[in-house]
Amino acid sequence: MAIIKNIEKNQTKPTNTMLQLLFQEDKGKEEYSHGDPIFEAQPLITENEELQFYRNQYDVVKQQLHFIKSDLQRLGDSVTFVKGNFGGGYLKINLTQEEFKNIINNSTHVHHHNETKNGR
């Protein structure tokens, strides 16, 4: 009997009190007025405008892909295999530092070259 009273005193009653507090309505809170909009209404666009937007984005991505492919082809053409005296060989890029930096700087697809509209 003492064990049951102890469980009731230390576990059941505090848990029941916490649950009642959670489900109680806060009388001091003001009700949300449905007249105030939470989000701004987005301007509606026509289907043709939406299709044109996606066509433009497709053309931009296709152009970026072309530049990436040409840069990758240029890098691939400049790589040669050099056999090492000890162990395996290695790949060597036959570009000057300036040429390599130009390829990296012209790559707009690299994530750290992109900035958001507000510059962050």
N, C-alpha and C. Protein backbone atom coordinates (compact mmCIF):
# COMPACT_ATOMS: atom_id res chain seq x y z
N MET A 1 0.82 -1.19 0.00
CA MET A 1 0.00 0.00 0.00
C MET A 1 0.88 1.26 0.00
N ALA A 2 1.96 1.22 0.74
CA ALA A 2 2.85 2.37 0.82
C ALA A 2 3.51 2.63 -0.53
N ILE A 3 3.82 1.56 -1.26
CA ILE A 3 4.44 1.72 -2.58
C ILE A 3 3.47 2.40 -3.53
N ILE A 4 2.22 2.00 -3.51
CA ILE A 4 1.21 2.59 -4.40
C ILE A 4 0.99 4.05 -4.05
N LYS A 5 0.92 4.37 -2.76
CA LYS A 5 0.75 5.77 -2.36
C LYS A 5 1.96 6.62 -2.77
N ASN A 6 3.16 6.05 -2.68
CA ASN A 6 4.37 6.76 -3.07
C ASN A 6 4.37 7.03 -4.58
N ILE A 7 4.01 6.02 -5.39
CA ILE A 7 3.93 6.20 -6.84
C ILE A 7 2.90 7.27 -7.19
N GLU A 8 1.75 7.21 -6.53
CA GLU A 8 0.70 8.20 -6.79
C GLU A 8 1.16 9.60 -6.41
N LYS A 9 1.83 9.72 -5.28
CA LYS A 9 2.28 11.02 -4.81
C LYS A 9 3.40 11.60 -5.67
N ASN A 10 4.37 10.79 -6.07
CA ASN A 10 5.56 11.28 -6.75
C ASN A 10 5.47 11.24 -8.28
N GLN A 11 4.58 10.43 -8.84
CA GLN A 11 4.55 10.30 -10.29
C GLN A 11 3.20 10.68 -10.88
N THR A 12 2.14 10.08 -10.40
CA THR A 12 0.85 10.25 -11.05
C THR A 12 0.28 11.65 -10.87
N LYS A 13 0.27 12.16 -9.66
CA LYS A 13 -0.31 13.49 -9.42
C LYS A 13 0.47 14.60 -10.13
N PRO A 14 1.82 14.63 -10.05
CA PRO A 14 2.53 15.70 -10.78
C PRO A 14 2.33 15.62 -12.29
N THR A 15 2.30 14.39 -12.82
CA THR A 15 2.08 14.24 -14.26
C THR A 15 0.68 14.71 -14.63
N ASN A 16 -0.30 14.36 -13.85
CA ASN A 16 -1.67 14.78 -14.11
C ASN A 16 -1.79 16.30 -14.03
N THR A 17 -1.12 16.92 -13.08
CA THR A 17 -1.15 18.38 -12.95
C THR A 17 -0.52 19.05 -14.17
N MET A 18 0.61 18.51 -14.63
CA MET A 18 1.26 19.08 -15.81
C MET A 18 0.37 18.95 -17.05
N LEU A 19 -0.29 17.81 -17.20
CA LEU A 19 -1.18 17.63 -18.35
C LEU A 19 -2.36 18.61 -18.29
N GLN A 20 -2.91 18.81 -17.12
CA GLN A 20 -4.02 19.76 -16.99
C GLN A 20 -3.57 21.18 -17.33
N LEU A 21 -2.36 21.56 -16.91
CA LEU A 21 -1.85 22.89 -17.24
C LEU A 21 -1.63 23.04 -18.74
N LEU A 22 -1.19 21.98 -19.39
CA LEU A 22 -0.97 22.04 -20.84
C LEU A 22 -2.27 22.25 -21.61
N PHE A 23 -3.31 21.57 -21.16
CA PHE A 23 -4.57 21.63 -21.90
C PHE A 23 -5.47 22.78 -21.47
N GLN A 24 -5.08 23.50 -20.45
CA GLN A 24 -5.87 24.66 -20.02
C GLN A 24 -5.75 25.77 -21.04
N GLU A 25 -6.83 26.44 -21.28
CA GLU A 25 -6.78 27.60 -22.16
C GLU A 25 -6.30 28.80 -21.37
N ASP A 26 -5.44 29.57 -21.99
CA ASP A 26 -4.95 30.77 -21.35
C ASP A 26 -5.98 31.87 -21.55
N LYS A 27 -6.61 32.26 -20.50
CA LYS A 27 -7.68 33.26 -20.59
C LYS A 27 -7.14 34.65 -20.90
N GLY A 28 -5.87 34.91 -20.60
CA GLY A 28 -5.29 36.22 -20.82
C GLY A 28 -4.92 36.48 -22.28
N LYS A 29 -4.82 35.43 -23.10
CA LYS A 29 -4.45 35.62 -24.49
C LYS A 29 -5.60 36.17 -25.29
N GLU A 30 -5.26 37.05 -26.22
CA GLU A 30 -6.29 37.58 -27.10
C GLU A 30 -6.48 36.62 -28.26
N GLU A 31 -7.69 36.50 -28.69
CA GLU A 31 -8.00 35.64 -29.84
C GLU A 31 -7.42 36.26 -31.10
N TYR A 32 -7.01 35.43 -32.03
CA TYR A 32 -6.50 35.91 -33.31
C TYR A 32 -7.65 36.48 -34.11
N SER A 33 -7.45 37.68 -34.60
CA SER A 33 -8.49 38.28 -35.42
C SER A 33 -8.27 37.86 -36.86
N HIS A 34 -9.28 37.28 -37.47
CA HIS A 34 -9.15 36.75 -38.82
C HIS A 34 -9.09 37.84 -39.87
N GLY A 35 -9.25 39.09 -39.50
CA GLY A 35 -9.19 40.18 -40.45
C GLY A 35 -7.77 40.57 -40.82
N ASP A 36 -6.80 40.28 -39.95
CA ASP A 36 -5.41 40.63 -40.21
C ASP A 36 -4.73 39.51 -40.98
N PRO A 37 -4.23 39.79 -42.18
CA PRO A 37 -3.57 38.72 -42.93
C PRO A 37 -2.19 38.42 -42.35
N ILE A 38 -1.83 37.16 -42.34
CA ILE A 38 -0.52 36.75 -41.84
C ILE A 38 0.52 36.89 -42.94
N PHE A 39 0.16 36.47 -44.15
CA PHE A 39 1.08 36.50 -45.27
C PHE A 39 0.55 37.46 -46.32
N GLU A 40 1.49 38.03 -47.07
CA GLU A 40 1.08 38.88 -48.17
C GLU A 40 0.61 38.02 -49.33
N ALA A 41 -0.37 38.49 -50.04
CA ALA A 41 -0.85 37.75 -51.19
C ALA A 41 0.16 37.88 -52.34
N GLN A 42 0.47 36.77 -52.96
CA GLN A 42 1.41 36.77 -54.07
C GLN A 42 0.67 37.16 -55.35
N PRO A 43 1.32 37.95 -56.19
CA PRO A 43 0.66 38.31 -57.45
C PRO A 43 0.50 37.09 -58.33
N LEU A 44 -0.66 36.98 -58.93
CA LEU A 44 -0.92 35.86 -59.81
C LEU A 44 -0.30 36.11 -61.17
N ILE A 45 0.24 35.04 -61.76
CA ILE A 45 0.82 35.15 -63.08
C ILE A 45 0.08 34.18 -63.99
N THR A 46 0.11 34.48 -65.26
CA THR A 46 -0.59 33.62 -66.21
C THR A 46 0.28 32.41 -66.54
N GLU A 47 -0.33 31.45 -67.17
CA GLU A 47 0.40 30.24 -67.54
C GLU A 47 1.50 30.54 -68.56
N ASN A 48 1.22 31.48 -69.46
CA ASN A 48 2.23 31.86 -70.46
C ASN A 48 3.44 32.52 -69.81
N GLU A 49 3.20 33.39 -68.82
CA GLU A 49 4.32 34.03 -68.11
C GLU A 49 5.15 32.99 -67.37
N GLU A 50 4.47 32.02 -66.76
CA GLU A 50 5.19 30.97 -66.04
C GLU A 50 6.02 30.12 -67.00
N LEU A 51 5.45 29.76 -68.13
CA LEU A 51 6.19 28.98 -69.12
C LEU A 51 7.39 29.76 -69.65
N GLN A 52 7.21 31.05 -69.88
CA GLN A 52 8.31 31.88 -70.37
C GLN A 52 9.43 31.96 -69.33
N PHE A 53 9.06 32.09 -68.07
CA PHE A 53 10.05 32.12 -66.99
C PHE A 53 10.88 30.84 -66.99
N TYR A 54 10.22 29.69 -67.06
CA TYR A 54 10.95 28.42 -67.03
C TYR A 54 11.76 28.20 -68.30
N ARG A 55 11.28 28.70 -69.42
CA ARG A 55 12.08 28.61 -70.66
C ARG A 55 13.36 29.44 -70.52
N ASN A 56 13.22 30.64 -69.98
CA ASN A 56 14.40 31.49 -69.78
C ASN A 56 15.40 30.83 -68.83
N GLN A 57 14.89 30.26 -67.73
CA GLN A 57 15.78 29.59 -66.78
C GLN A 57 16.46 28.39 -67.42
N TYR A 58 15.72 27.67 -68.26
CA TYR A 58 16.29 26.52 -68.97
C TYR A 58 17.41 26.98 -69.89
N ASP A 59 17.21 28.07 -70.60
CA ASP A 59 18.25 28.58 -71.49
C ASP A 59 19.50 29.00 -70.72
N VAL A 60 19.30 29.62 -69.56
CA VAL A 60 20.44 30.04 -68.73
C VAL A 60 21.23 28.82 -68.25
N VAL A 61 20.52 27.81 -67.78
CA VAL A 61 21.18 26.61 -67.28
C VAL A 61 21.88 25.87 -68.42
N LYS A 62 21.26 25.85 -69.59
CA LYS A 62 21.88 25.20 -70.75
C LYS A 62 23.17 25.92 -71.14
N GLN A 63 23.17 27.24 -71.08
CA GLN A 63 24.37 28.01 -71.41
C GLN A 63 25.47 27.75 -70.36
N GLN A 64 25.09 27.69 -69.08
CA GLN A 64 26.07 27.39 -68.04
C GLN A 64 26.67 26.00 -68.24
N LEU A 65 25.83 25.04 -68.63
CA LEU A 65 26.31 23.70 -68.89
C LEU A 65 27.31 23.69 -70.03
N HIS A 66 27.06 24.47 -71.06
CA HIS A 66 27.99 24.56 -72.19
C HIS A 66 29.36 25.09 -71.74
N PHE A 67 29.35 26.14 -70.91
CA PHE A 67 30.60 26.69 -70.41
C PHE A 67 31.34 25.69 -69.51
N ILE A 68 30.59 24.99 -68.68
CA ILE A 68 31.21 24.00 -67.79
C ILE A 68 31.83 22.87 -68.61
N LYS A 69 31.10 22.42 -69.62
CA LYS A 69 31.63 21.35 -70.47
C LYS A 69 32.91 21.80 -71.18
N SER A 70 32.93 23.02 -71.69
CA SER A 70 34.12 23.49 -72.40
C SER A 70 35.31 23.63 -71.44
N ASP A 71 35.06 24.13 -70.21
CA ASP A 71 36.14 24.22 -69.22
C ASP A 71 36.65 22.83 -68.85
N LEU A 72 35.74 21.90 -68.67
CA LEU A 72 36.14 20.54 -68.30
C LEU A 72 36.91 19.88 -69.45
N GLN A 73 36.48 20.11 -70.67
CA GLN A 73 37.18 19.57 -71.84
C GLN A 73 38.60 20.15 -71.93
N ARG A 74 38.71 21.44 -71.67
CA ARG A 74 40.02 22.10 -71.70
C ARG A 74 40.94 21.53 -70.62
N LEU A 75 40.39 21.30 -69.42
CA LEU A 75 41.19 20.70 -68.35
C LEU A 75 41.58 19.27 -68.70
N GLY A 76 40.62 18.52 -69.25
CA GLY A 76 40.90 17.14 -69.60
C GLY A 76 41.95 17.02 -70.68
N ASP A 77 41.94 17.93 -71.64
CA ASP A 77 42.94 17.90 -72.71
C ASP A 77 44.34 18.27 -72.21
N SER A 78 44.41 18.99 -71.11
CA SER A 78 45.71 19.43 -70.62
C SER A 78 46.31 18.48 -69.60
N VAL A 79 45.64 17.38 -69.28
CA VAL A 79 46.14 16.44 -68.28
C VAL A 79 46.95 15.35 -68.97
N THR A 80 48.12 15.06 -68.41
CA THR A 80 48.96 13.96 -68.91
C THR A 80 49.37 13.08 -67.74
N PHE A 81 49.63 11.81 -68.03
CA PHE A 81 50.07 10.88 -67.01
C PHE A 81 51.59 10.87 -66.97
N VAL A 82 52.14 11.01 -65.79
CA VAL A 82 53.59 10.98 -65.61
C VAL A 82 53.91 9.76 -64.76
N LYS A 83 54.77 8.86 -65.32
CA LYS A 83 55.12 7.66 -64.60
C LYS A 83 56.19 8.00 -63.56
N GLY A 84 55.96 7.59 -62.33
CA GLY A 84 56.91 7.87 -61.27
C GLY A 84 58.00 6.82 -61.21
N ASN A 85 59.16 7.21 -60.70
CA ASN A 85 60.27 6.27 -60.56
C ASN A 85 60.00 5.26 -59.45
N PHE A 86 59.39 5.71 -58.39
CA PHE A 86 59.09 4.84 -57.25
C PHE A 86 57.58 4.81 -57.08
N GLY A 87 57.00 3.65 -57.15
CA GLY A 87 55.56 3.52 -56.96
C GLY A 87 54.79 3.89 -58.21
N GLY A 88 53.54 4.28 -58.01
CA GLY A 88 52.66 4.62 -59.13
C GLY A 88 52.95 6.00 -59.69
N GLY A 89 52.33 6.28 -60.80
CA GLY A 89 52.49 7.58 -61.44
C GLY A 89 51.49 8.58 -60.91
N TYR A 90 51.43 9.72 -61.57
CA TYR A 90 50.50 10.77 -61.17
C TYR A 90 50.04 11.53 -62.41
N LEU A 91 48.99 12.30 -62.25
CA LEU A 91 48.46 13.12 -63.33
C LEU A 91 48.97 14.54 -63.20
N LYS A 92 49.35 15.12 -64.32
CA LYS A 92 49.89 16.48 -64.32
C LYS A 92 49.03 17.34 -65.23
N ILE A 93 48.68 18.52 -64.74
CA ILE A 93 47.92 19.48 -65.54
C ILE A 93 48.91 20.42 -66.21
N ASN A 94 48.90 20.45 -67.52
CA ASN A 94 49.84 21.27 -68.28
C ASN A 94 49.23 22.64 -68.59
N LEU A 95 48.96 23.40 -67.55
CA LEU A 95 48.44 24.76 -67.69
C LEU A 95 49.31 25.68 -66.87
N THR A 96 49.38 26.92 -67.30
CA THR A 96 50.07 27.91 -66.46
C THR A 96 49.15 28.29 -65.32
N GLN A 97 49.72 28.91 -64.32
CA GLN A 97 48.91 29.34 -63.18
C GLN A 97 47.82 30.32 -63.62
N GLU A 98 48.14 31.21 -64.52
CA GLU A 98 47.17 32.20 -64.98
C GLU A 98 46.01 31.53 -65.72
N GLU A 99 46.33 30.54 -66.57
CA GLU A 99 45.27 29.84 -67.30
C GLU A 99 44.35 29.09 -66.33
N PHE A 100 44.96 28.45 -65.34
CA PHE A 100 44.16 27.73 -64.36
C PHE A 100 43.28 28.68 -63.55
N LYS A 101 43.84 29.82 -63.13
CA LYS A 101 43.05 30.80 -62.37
C LYS A 101 41.92 31.37 -63.22
N ASN A 102 42.16 31.58 -64.51
CA ASN A 102 41.10 32.06 -65.40
C ASN A 102 39.95 31.07 -65.49
N ILE A 103 40.28 29.79 -65.57
CA ILE A 103 39.22 28.77 -65.61
C ILE A 103 38.41 28.80 -64.32
N ILE A 104 39.09 28.89 -63.19
CA ILE A 104 38.40 28.91 -61.89
C ILE A 104 37.57 30.19 -61.75
N ASN A 105 38.13 31.33 -62.11
CA ASN A 105 37.42 32.60 -61.96
C ASN A 105 36.24 32.72 -62.91
N ASN A 106 36.32 32.09 -64.08
CA ASN A 106 35.22 32.16 -65.04
C ASN A 106 34.11 31.17 -64.72
N SER A 107 34.33 30.30 -63.76
CA SER A 107 33.32 29.30 -63.40
C SER A 107 32.28 29.94 -62.48
N THR A 108 31.11 30.20 -63.01
CA THR A 108 30.04 30.80 -62.20
C THR A 108 29.26 29.75 -61.45
N HIS A 109 29.53 28.46 -61.72
CA HIS A 109 28.79 27.40 -61.07
C HIS A 109 29.34 27.04 -59.70
N VAL A 110 30.49 27.56 -59.33
CA VAL A 110 31.08 27.25 -58.04
C VAL A 110 30.27 27.96 -56.96
N HIS A 111 29.90 27.22 -55.91
CA HIS A 111 28.96 27.74 -54.92
C HIS A 111 29.45 29.00 -54.21
N HIS A 112 30.73 29.15 -53.96
CA HIS A 112 31.18 30.32 -53.23
C HIS A 112 31.33 31.56 -54.12
N HIS A 113 31.09 31.43 -55.40
CA HIS A 113 31.10 32.59 -56.28
C HIS A 113 29.72 33.23 -56.37
N ASN A 114 28.70 32.51 -55.94
CA ASN A 114 27.32 33.01 -56.03
C ASN A 114 26.98 33.78 -54.77
N GLU A 115 26.29 34.89 -54.92
CA GLU A 115 25.85 35.67 -53.78
C GLU A 115 24.35 35.84 -53.85
N THR A 116 23.75 36.06 -52.70
CA THR A 116 22.31 36.32 -52.68
C THR A 116 22.06 37.77 -53.07
N LYS A 117 20.80 38.11 -53.19
CA LYS A 117 20.44 39.46 -53.62
C LYS A 117 20.92 40.53 -52.64
N ASN A 118 20.90 40.19 -51.34
CA ASN A 118 21.32 41.19 -50.37
C ASN A 118 22.81 41.09 -50.03
N GLY A 119 23.55 40.25 -50.76
CA GLY A 119 25.00 40.20 -50.61
C GLY A 119 25.51 39.35 -49.48
N ARG A 120 24.69 38.58 -48.83
CA ARG A 120 25.13 37.72 -47.73
C ARG A 120 25.47 36.36 -48.22
